[in-house]
N, C-alpha and C. Protein backbone atom coordinates (compact mmCIF):
# COMPACT_ATOMS: atom_id res chain seq x y z
N MET A 1 -31.69 -18.69 43.56
CA MET A 1 -30.50 -18.44 43.56
C MET A 1 -30.28 -19.74 42.36
N LEU A 2 -30.90 -20.08 41.90
CA LEU A 2 -30.62 -21.40 40.81
C LEU A 2 -30.83 -20.43 39.16
N ARG A 3 -31.48 -19.76 39.13
CA ARG A 3 -32.18 -18.90 38.48
C ARG A 3 -31.38 -17.67 37.40
N GLY A 4 -30.44 -16.97 38.80
CA GLY A 4 -29.43 -16.64 37.95
C GLY A 4 -28.44 -16.95 37.21
N LYS A 5 -28.30 -18.34 37.85
CA LYS A 5 -26.84 -18.84 37.36
C LYS A 5 -27.51 -19.57 35.46
N PRO A 6 -27.77 -20.04 35.49
CA PRO A 6 -28.12 -20.24 34.21
C PRO A 6 -28.13 -19.16 32.77
N PHE A 7 -29.34 -17.82 33.69
CA PHE A 7 -28.83 -16.81 32.81
C PHE A 7 -27.08 -16.08 32.83
N LEU A 8 -26.44 -16.82 33.20
CA LEU A 8 -25.05 -15.68 33.25
C LEU A 8 -24.39 -16.46 32.45
N TRP A 9 -25.17 -17.96 32.72
CA TRP A 9 -23.75 -18.99 31.79
C TRP A 9 -24.39 -18.57 30.16
N PHE A 10 -25.22 -18.11 29.80
CA PHE A 10 -25.99 -17.68 28.70
C PHE A 10 -25.26 -16.21 28.36
N ALA A 11 -25.62 -15.88 29.23
CA ALA A 11 -25.39 -14.50 28.70
C ALA A 11 -23.80 -13.69 28.76
N ALA A 12 -22.51 -13.85 29.56
CA ALA A 12 -21.44 -13.70 29.63
C ALA A 12 -21.46 -14.40 27.76
N PRO A 13 -21.34 -15.86 27.24
CA PRO A 13 -20.68 -15.67 26.06
C PRO A 13 -20.84 -14.49 25.31
N LEU A 14 -22.33 -13.78 24.97
CA LEU A 14 -22.84 -13.16 24.23
C LEU A 14 -22.38 -11.82 24.51
N MET A 15 -21.97 -11.60 25.51
CA MET A 15 -21.75 -9.71 25.99
C MET A 15 -19.91 -10.28 26.02
N LEU A 16 -19.51 -11.47 25.63
CA LEU A 16 -18.19 -11.63 25.07
C LEU A 16 -18.01 -11.42 23.89
N LEU A 17 -18.76 -11.88 22.90
CA LEU A 17 -19.05 -12.23 21.65
C LEU A 17 -19.50 -10.53 21.19
N ALA A 18 -19.92 -9.59 21.65
CA ALA A 18 -20.55 -7.79 21.07
C ALA A 18 -19.43 -7.40 22.04
N CYS A 19 -18.31 -7.89 22.27
CA CYS A 19 -16.99 -6.86 22.77
C CYS A 19 -16.14 -6.88 21.93
N ALA A 20 -16.34 -8.60 21.51
CA ALA A 20 -15.14 -9.16 20.33
C ALA A 20 -15.28 -8.11 19.07
N THR A 21 -16.52 -8.52 18.81
CA THR A 21 -17.12 -7.86 17.60
C THR A 21 -16.50 -6.08 17.16
N ARG A 22 -16.82 -5.15 18.50
CA ARG A 22 -16.53 -3.70 18.84
C ARG A 22 -15.30 -3.60 18.72
N ALA A 23 -14.48 -4.40 19.24
CA ALA A 23 -13.02 -4.31 19.22
C ALA A 23 -11.76 -4.05 18.15
N GLN A 24 -12.89 -4.27 16.53
CA GLN A 24 -12.52 -4.62 15.57
C GLN A 24 -12.42 -2.98 15.34
N PRO A 25 -10.89 -2.63 15.16
CA PRO A 25 -11.54 -1.07 15.07
C PRO A 25 -11.47 -0.19 12.77
N ALA A 26 -12.43 0.47 13.10
CA ALA A 26 -12.57 0.99 11.52
C ALA A 26 -11.38 1.15 10.99
N PRO A 27 -11.34 1.22 9.72
CA PRO A 27 -9.93 1.96 8.73
C PRO A 27 -9.79 2.99 9.09
N GLU A 28 -8.59 3.49 9.44
CA GLU A 28 -8.17 4.39 9.48
C GLU A 28 -8.50 5.31 8.44
N LYS A 29 -9.29 6.48 8.68
CA LYS A 29 -8.63 7.66 6.94
C LYS A 29 -7.90 7.74 7.17
N LEU A 30 -7.70 8.01 5.45
CA LEU A 30 -6.34 8.34 4.80
C LEU A 30 -6.50 10.21 4.85
N ASP A 31 -5.29 11.06 5.38
CA ASP A 31 -6.14 12.34 5.48
C ASP A 31 -4.57 13.30 4.30
N THR A 32 -3.77 12.51 4.07
CA THR A 32 -2.38 12.80 3.73
C THR A 32 -1.73 12.22 2.37
N LEU A 33 -1.54 13.30 0.93
CA LEU A 33 -0.95 11.75 -0.08
C LEU A 33 0.20 11.05 0.53
N LYS A 34 0.72 11.02 1.77
CA LYS A 34 1.34 10.20 1.95
C LYS A 34 1.19 9.42 2.41
N ASP A 35 0.04 9.34 3.29
CA ASP A 35 -1.16 8.55 3.60
C ASP A 35 -1.15 7.01 2.38
N ILE A 36 -1.78 7.60 1.47
CA ILE A 36 -2.29 7.13 0.17
C ILE A 36 -0.96 5.75 0.13
N PHE A 37 0.17 6.55 -0.18
CA PHE A 37 1.36 5.97 -0.96
C PHE A 37 1.11 4.74 0.18
N VAL A 38 1.41 5.10 1.64
CA VAL A 38 2.04 4.47 2.79
C VAL A 38 1.82 3.38 2.87
N ARG A 39 -0.26 3.12 2.39
CA ARG A 39 -1.45 2.20 2.21
C ARG A 39 -1.23 1.63 1.33
N LEU A 40 -0.66 1.75 -0.10
CA LEU A 40 -0.80 0.86 -1.13
C LEU A 40 0.64 0.36 -0.76
N HIS A 41 1.71 1.12 -0.48
CA HIS A 41 2.80 0.13 -0.25
C HIS A 41 2.80 -1.29 0.79
N ALA A 42 2.47 -0.78 1.64
CA ALA A 42 1.88 -1.74 2.55
C ALA A 42 0.84 -3.68 2.44
N CYS A 43 0.30 -2.41 1.31
CA CYS A 43 -0.92 -4.00 0.47
C CYS A 43 0.24 -4.67 -0.69
N PHE A 44 1.66 -4.19 -0.40
CA PHE A 44 2.10 -4.94 -2.10
C PHE A 44 3.21 -6.12 -1.27
N LYS A 45 2.71 -7.41 -2.11
CA LYS A 45 3.71 -8.45 -1.71
C LYS A 45 4.50 -8.87 -2.89
N PRO A 46 5.59 -8.08 -3.20
CA PRO A 46 6.29 -8.69 -4.52
C PRO A 46 5.90 -10.27 -4.26
N PRO A 47 6.22 -10.95 -5.53
CA PRO A 47 6.25 -12.59 -5.63
C PRO A 47 7.77 -12.76 -4.99
N PRO A 48 8.03 -14.19 -4.81
CA PRO A 48 8.92 -14.88 -4.08
C PRO A 48 9.79 -15.05 -5.10
N LEU A 49 10.63 -15.10 -4.57
CA LEU A 49 12.23 -14.75 -5.53
C LEU A 49 12.18 -16.45 -6.22
N SER A 50 11.36 -17.21 -6.26
CA SER A 50 11.89 -18.94 -6.44
C SER A 50 10.54 -18.04 -8.06
N GLN A 51 10.31 -17.72 -7.78
CA GLN A 51 9.01 -17.30 -9.19
C GLN A 51 9.21 -16.34 -10.33
N ALA A 52 10.24 -14.83 -9.33
CA ALA A 52 10.63 -13.70 -10.64
C ALA A 52 11.94 -13.15 -9.43
N ASN A 53 12.51 -12.28 -10.69
CA ASN A 53 13.42 -11.53 -9.93
C ASN A 53 13.19 -10.22 -9.27
N PRO A 54 13.70 -9.16 -8.25
CA PRO A 54 12.89 -8.19 -8.00
C PRO A 54 13.82 -7.76 -9.01
N ILE A 55 12.47 -6.53 -9.67
CA ILE A 55 12.51 -5.66 -10.80
C ILE A 55 11.40 -4.05 -9.98
N ASP A 56 11.85 -2.92 -10.56
CA ASP A 56 11.36 -1.83 -10.26
C ASP A 56 10.20 -1.71 -10.89
N ILE A 57 8.99 -1.20 -10.71
CA ILE A 57 7.80 -1.36 -11.91
C ILE A 57 6.79 -0.09 -10.62
N THR A 58 5.85 1.11 -11.61
CA THR A 58 5.62 1.54 -11.70
C THR A 58 4.17 2.13 -12.29
N VAL A 59 3.34 2.26 -11.20
CA VAL A 59 1.96 2.01 -12.17
C VAL A 59 1.27 4.00 -11.92
N ILE A 60 -0.15 3.26 -12.70
CA ILE A 60 -0.28 5.07 -12.95
C ILE A 60 -1.64 4.94 -12.53
N VAL A 61 -2.53 5.32 -11.65
CA VAL A 61 -3.65 5.08 -11.40
C VAL A 61 -4.79 6.25 -11.00
N SER A 62 -5.93 6.38 -11.05
CA SER A 62 -6.99 7.38 -10.01
C SER A 62 -7.87 6.73 -9.56
N PHE A 63 -7.84 7.51 -8.78
CA PHE A 63 -9.12 7.45 -7.59
C PHE A 63 -10.60 8.22 -7.94
N ASN A 64 -12.07 7.63 -7.12
CA ASN A 64 -12.69 8.35 -7.44
C ASN A 64 -13.03 9.44 -5.67
N ARG A 65 -13.77 10.13 -5.46
CA ARG A 65 -14.16 10.23 -3.68
C ARG A 65 -14.01 9.45 -2.94
N GLN A 66 -14.83 7.64 -3.24
CA GLN A 66 -14.77 7.32 -2.53
C GLN A 66 -13.56 6.29 -2.08
N GLY A 67 -12.50 6.27 -2.98
CA GLY A 67 -11.17 5.88 -3.01
C GLY A 67 -10.93 4.67 -3.58
N ALA A 68 -12.48 4.62 -4.41
CA ALA A 68 -12.45 3.95 -5.21
C ALA A 68 -11.51 4.00 -6.58
N ILE A 69 -11.31 2.60 -7.51
CA ILE A 69 -10.58 3.49 -8.90
C ILE A 69 -10.91 3.61 -9.56
N LEU A 70 -10.80 4.56 -10.23
CA LEU A 70 -11.08 5.16 -11.30
C LEU A 70 -10.66 4.49 -13.07
N GLY A 71 -11.42 3.74 -13.89
CA GLY A 71 -10.49 3.68 -14.99
C GLY A 71 -9.65 2.82 -15.05
N HIS A 72 -8.98 2.35 -15.58
CA HIS A 72 -8.19 1.29 -15.57
C HIS A 72 -6.43 1.52 -15.24
N PRO A 73 -6.08 0.82 -14.32
CA PRO A 73 -4.26 1.27 -14.07
C PRO A 73 -3.69 0.77 -15.06
N ARG A 74 -2.41 1.81 -15.43
CA ARG A 74 -1.71 1.35 -16.50
C ARG A 74 -0.19 1.20 -15.81
N ILE A 75 0.69 -0.07 -16.46
CA ILE A 75 2.25 0.19 -15.78
C ILE A 75 2.64 0.72 -16.45
N THR A 76 3.72 1.95 -16.23
CA THR A 76 4.16 2.86 -17.47
C THR A 76 5.72 2.64 -17.05
N TYR A 77 6.32 1.85 -16.02
CA TYR A 77 7.54 1.96 -16.10
C TYR A 77 7.58 0.60 -15.84
N GLU A 78 8.87 -0.47 -15.98
CA GLU A 78 9.11 -1.26 -15.63
C GLU A 78 11.31 -1.61 -15.91
N THR A 79 11.67 -2.25 -14.86
CA THR A 79 13.12 -2.66 -15.32
C THR A 79 13.33 -3.26 -16.45
N GLU A 80 13.85 -2.64 -16.95
CA GLU A 80 14.92 -2.75 -18.69
C GLU A 80 15.20 -4.27 -18.64
N GLN A 81 15.91 -4.36 -17.96
CA GLN A 81 16.70 -5.95 -17.92
C GLN A 81 15.98 -6.95 -17.53
N ALA A 82 14.75 -6.63 -17.14
CA ALA A 82 13.77 -7.98 -16.18
C ALA A 82 13.03 -8.09 -17.31
N SER A 83 12.52 -10.07 -17.05
CA SER A 83 12.41 -10.94 -18.35
C SER A 83 10.57 -11.08 -18.60
N ASP A 84 10.74 -11.66 -19.06
CA ASP A 84 8.53 -11.79 -19.64
C ASP A 84 8.04 -11.70 -18.80
N ASN A 85 8.67 -13.16 -18.02
CA ASN A 85 8.47 -13.80 -16.78
C ASN A 85 8.13 -12.73 -15.18
N ASP A 86 9.19 -11.78 -15.29
CA ASP A 86 9.10 -11.07 -14.25
C ASP A 86 8.59 -10.28 -14.31
N ARG A 87 8.43 -9.44 -15.84
CA ARG A 87 7.25 -8.48 -15.81
C ARG A 87 5.64 -9.16 -15.71
N LEU A 88 5.54 -10.67 -15.97
CA LEU A 88 4.23 -10.61 -15.55
C LEU A 88 3.90 -11.14 -14.15
N GLN A 89 5.01 -12.12 -13.61
CA GLN A 89 4.77 -11.82 -11.74
C GLN A 89 4.61 -10.47 -11.37
N TYR A 90 5.12 -9.82 -11.45
CA TYR A 90 5.37 -8.29 -11.32
C TYR A 90 3.89 -7.52 -11.55
N ARG A 91 3.65 -7.64 -12.50
CA ARG A 91 2.06 -6.82 -12.81
C ARG A 91 1.22 -6.84 -12.47
N ILE A 92 0.81 -8.72 -12.11
CA ILE A 92 -0.24 -9.29 -11.48
C ILE A 92 -0.09 -9.15 -9.69
N ALA A 93 1.39 -8.45 -9.04
CA ALA A 93 1.53 -8.30 -7.51
C ALA A 93 0.60 -6.86 -7.87
N VAL A 94 1.57 -5.82 -8.71
CA VAL A 94 0.60 -4.88 -9.02
C VAL A 94 -0.88 -4.80 -8.26
N MET A 95 -1.38 -5.71 -9.25
CA MET A 95 -2.81 -5.27 -9.27
C MET A 95 -3.36 -6.17 -8.30
N GLU A 96 -2.56 -6.78 -7.88
CA GLU A 96 -3.85 -7.54 -6.38
C GLU A 96 -3.49 -7.09 -5.16
N ALA A 97 -2.09 -6.03 -5.37
CA ALA A 97 -2.08 -4.96 -4.00
C ALA A 97 -3.26 -3.68 -4.48
N LEU A 98 -3.13 -3.69 -5.17
CA LEU A 98 -4.37 -2.56 -5.81
C LEU A 98 -5.94 -2.86 -5.28
N GLN A 99 -6.15 -4.26 -6.13
CA GLN A 99 -7.10 -4.72 -5.35
C GLN A 99 -7.57 -5.23 -3.91
N ARG A 100 -6.67 -5.79 -3.23
CA ARG A 100 -6.45 -5.56 -1.69
C ARG A 100 -6.78 -4.63 -0.90
N CYS A 101 -6.26 -3.66 -1.73
CA CYS A 101 -6.80 -2.07 -0.90
C CYS A 101 -7.44 -1.55 -0.49
N THR A 102 -8.15 -1.01 -2.23
CA THR A 102 -9.36 0.09 -2.42
C THR A 102 -10.61 -1.14 -2.65
N PRO A 103 -11.49 -0.45 -1.71
CA PRO A 103 -11.65 1.26 -1.64
C PRO A 103 -10.57 2.11 -0.69
N LEU A 104 -10.03 2.96 -0.63
CA LEU A 104 -9.01 3.49 -0.06
C LEU A 104 -10.15 4.41 0.78
N PRO A 105 -9.89 4.56 2.27
CA PRO A 105 -10.85 4.92 3.73
C PRO A 105 -10.30 6.73 3.00
N PHE A 106 -10.59 7.44 2.23
CA PHE A 106 -10.36 8.73 2.15
C PHE A 106 -10.85 9.63 3.60
N THR A 107 -10.23 10.74 3.68
CA THR A 107 -10.78 12.11 4.26
C THR A 107 -12.07 13.09 3.37
N ASP A 108 -13.08 13.58 3.71
CA ASP A 108 -13.75 13.57 2.56
C ASP A 108 -12.94 14.98 2.17
N ALA A 109 -11.74 15.57 2.53
CA ALA A 109 -11.07 16.52 2.10
C ALA A 109 -10.23 16.07 1.10
N LEU A 110 -9.23 14.74 1.51
CA LEU A 110 -8.73 13.96 0.53
C LEU A 110 -9.64 13.35 -0.97
N GLY A 111 -10.70 12.95 -0.14
CA GLY A 111 -10.88 12.54 -1.33
C GLY A 111 -11.81 14.10 -2.48
N GLY A 112 -12.39 15.34 -1.75
CA GLY A 112 -12.42 16.01 -2.92
C GLY A 112 -11.15 16.54 -3.62
N ALA A 113 -9.92 16.54 -3.20
CA ALA A 113 -8.43 16.90 -3.24
C ALA A 113 -8.19 16.29 -4.78
N VAL A 114 -8.07 14.70 -4.33
CA VAL A 114 -7.27 13.75 -5.45
C VAL A 114 -8.17 13.17 -6.85
N ALA A 115 -9.32 13.67 -6.44
CA ALA A 115 -10.75 12.43 -7.30
C ALA A 115 -9.95 12.79 -8.48
N GLY A 116 -9.65 11.53 -9.23
CA GLY A 116 -9.62 12.03 -10.81
C GLY A 116 -8.55 12.06 -10.86
N ARG A 117 -7.84 12.49 -10.16
CA ARG A 117 -6.27 12.21 -10.87
C ARG A 117 -5.39 12.00 -10.82
N PRO A 118 -4.18 11.47 -11.54
CA PRO A 118 -3.48 10.13 -11.84
C PRO A 118 -2.21 10.49 -10.74
N PHE A 119 -1.97 9.12 -10.29
CA PHE A 119 -0.79 8.83 -9.19
C PHE A 119 0.08 8.04 -9.58
N ALA A 120 1.69 8.25 -9.94
CA ALA A 120 2.23 7.64 -10.36
C ALA A 120 2.86 6.55 -9.22
N ILE A 121 2.54 5.67 -8.99
CA ILE A 121 2.91 4.89 -8.28
C ILE A 121 3.82 3.96 -8.06
N PRO A 122 5.28 4.32 -7.59
CA PRO A 122 6.52 3.34 -7.75
C PRO A 122 7.02 2.61 -6.86
N PHE A 123 6.97 1.27 -7.79
CA PHE A 123 7.01 -0.08 -6.46
C PHE A 123 8.45 -0.48 -6.40
N ARG A 124 9.76 -0.31 -5.56
CA ARG A 124 11.32 -0.52 -5.80
C ARG A 124 11.02 -1.83 -5.36
N THR A 125 11.50 -2.90 -5.73
CA THR A 125 12.47 -3.96 -5.09
C THR A 125 13.53 -4.29 -5.33
N ARG A 126 13.93 -4.12 -6.07
CA ARG A 126 15.76 -3.85 -6.65
C ARG A 126 16.39 -3.05 -5.18
N GLU A 127 17.72 -3.76 -5.15
CA GLU A 127 18.76 -3.04 -4.08
C GLU A 127 19.18 -1.95 -4.90
N ARG A 128 19.74 -0.79 -4.43
CA ARG A 128 20.42 -0.03 -5.04
C ARG A 128 21.85 0.22 -4.53
N GLN A 129 22.45 0.81 -5.59
CA GLN A 129 23.51 1.10 -5.33
C GLN A 129 23.36 2.95 -4.74
N PRO A 130 25.10 2.65 -3.65
CA PRO A 130 25.37 4.21 -3.02
C PRO A 130 25.21 4.87 -4.07
N GLU A 131 24.88 6.24 -4.14
CA GLU A 131 25.04 7.51 -5.11
C GLU A 131 26.83 7.44 -4.76
N ALA A 132 27.60 7.57 -5.96
CA ALA A 132 29.18 8.36 -5.56
C ALA A 132 29.23 9.72 -4.68
N LYS A 133 29.72 10.05 -4.31
CA LYS A 133 29.88 11.55 -4.32
C LYS A 133 30.83 12.26 -4.34
N GLU A 134 30.53 13.01 -5.28
CA GLU A 134 31.21 13.44 -6.02
C GLU A 134 32.68 14.78 -5.18
N ARG A 135 33.63 15.08 -5.90
CA ARG A 135 34.33 15.51 -5.14
C ARG A 135 34.66 16.28 -6.06
N ARG A 136 35.03 18.10 -4.89
CA ARG A 136 35.24 19.06 -5.82
C ARG A 136 36.70 19.21 -5.37
N ALA A 137 37.64 20.16 -5.74
CA ALA A 137 38.76 20.65 -5.28
C ALA A 137 39.05 21.90 -4.69
N TRP A 138 37.83 22.27 -4.50
CA TRP A 138 37.46 23.77 -3.74
C TRP A 138 36.63 23.57 -2.21
N LEU A 139 36.72 22.12 -2.39
CA LEU A 139 35.17 21.83 -0.85
C LEU A 139 36.55 20.91 -0.31
N SER A 140 37.47 20.75 -0.83
CA SER A 140 38.36 19.76 0.19
C SER A 140 39.09 20.58 1.46
N PRO A 141 38.67 20.09 2.99
CA PRO A 141 38.78 21.09 3.96
C PRO A 141 40.62 21.06 4.03
N LYS A 142 41.87 20.59 3.15
CA LYS A 142 42.79 20.94 3.05
C LYS A 142 43.58 22.54 2.41
N THR A 143 43.97 23.18 3.14
CA THR A 143 44.65 24.66 1.87
C THR A 143 46.17 24.11 1.58
N LEU A 144 46.00 25.00 0.94
CA LEU A 144 47.59 24.93 0.11
C LEU A 144 48.57 26.36 0.84
């Protein structure tokens, strides 16, 4: 009876450790273009307001079949009124997001479809004004 107890005390932590390491899910494979944008936006962490004002920024990036960045990402749009500090802080945040997220776990089909193709990925952090609705006289419900 004493022989079984030390074994249990030794085996139980090992079994818990083995179960805990298996419990971590593998990264979910990306299968659509929307999945790519959602994953990259989830990785993006804009700088705090104390460091930079919110701006809109767009980066063009290409991936290989395995989801790694192909070539060099390029910033193609930044809010016109942004200061040099705002631009710099947001460029750093975008590049950190790409570094944090890549390589992306593409399915074989998506990897083959997107390999080498450029993506323009917008990161919008400014508040949007609601678009004004156009009123047209012939659409009004009132009859003459």
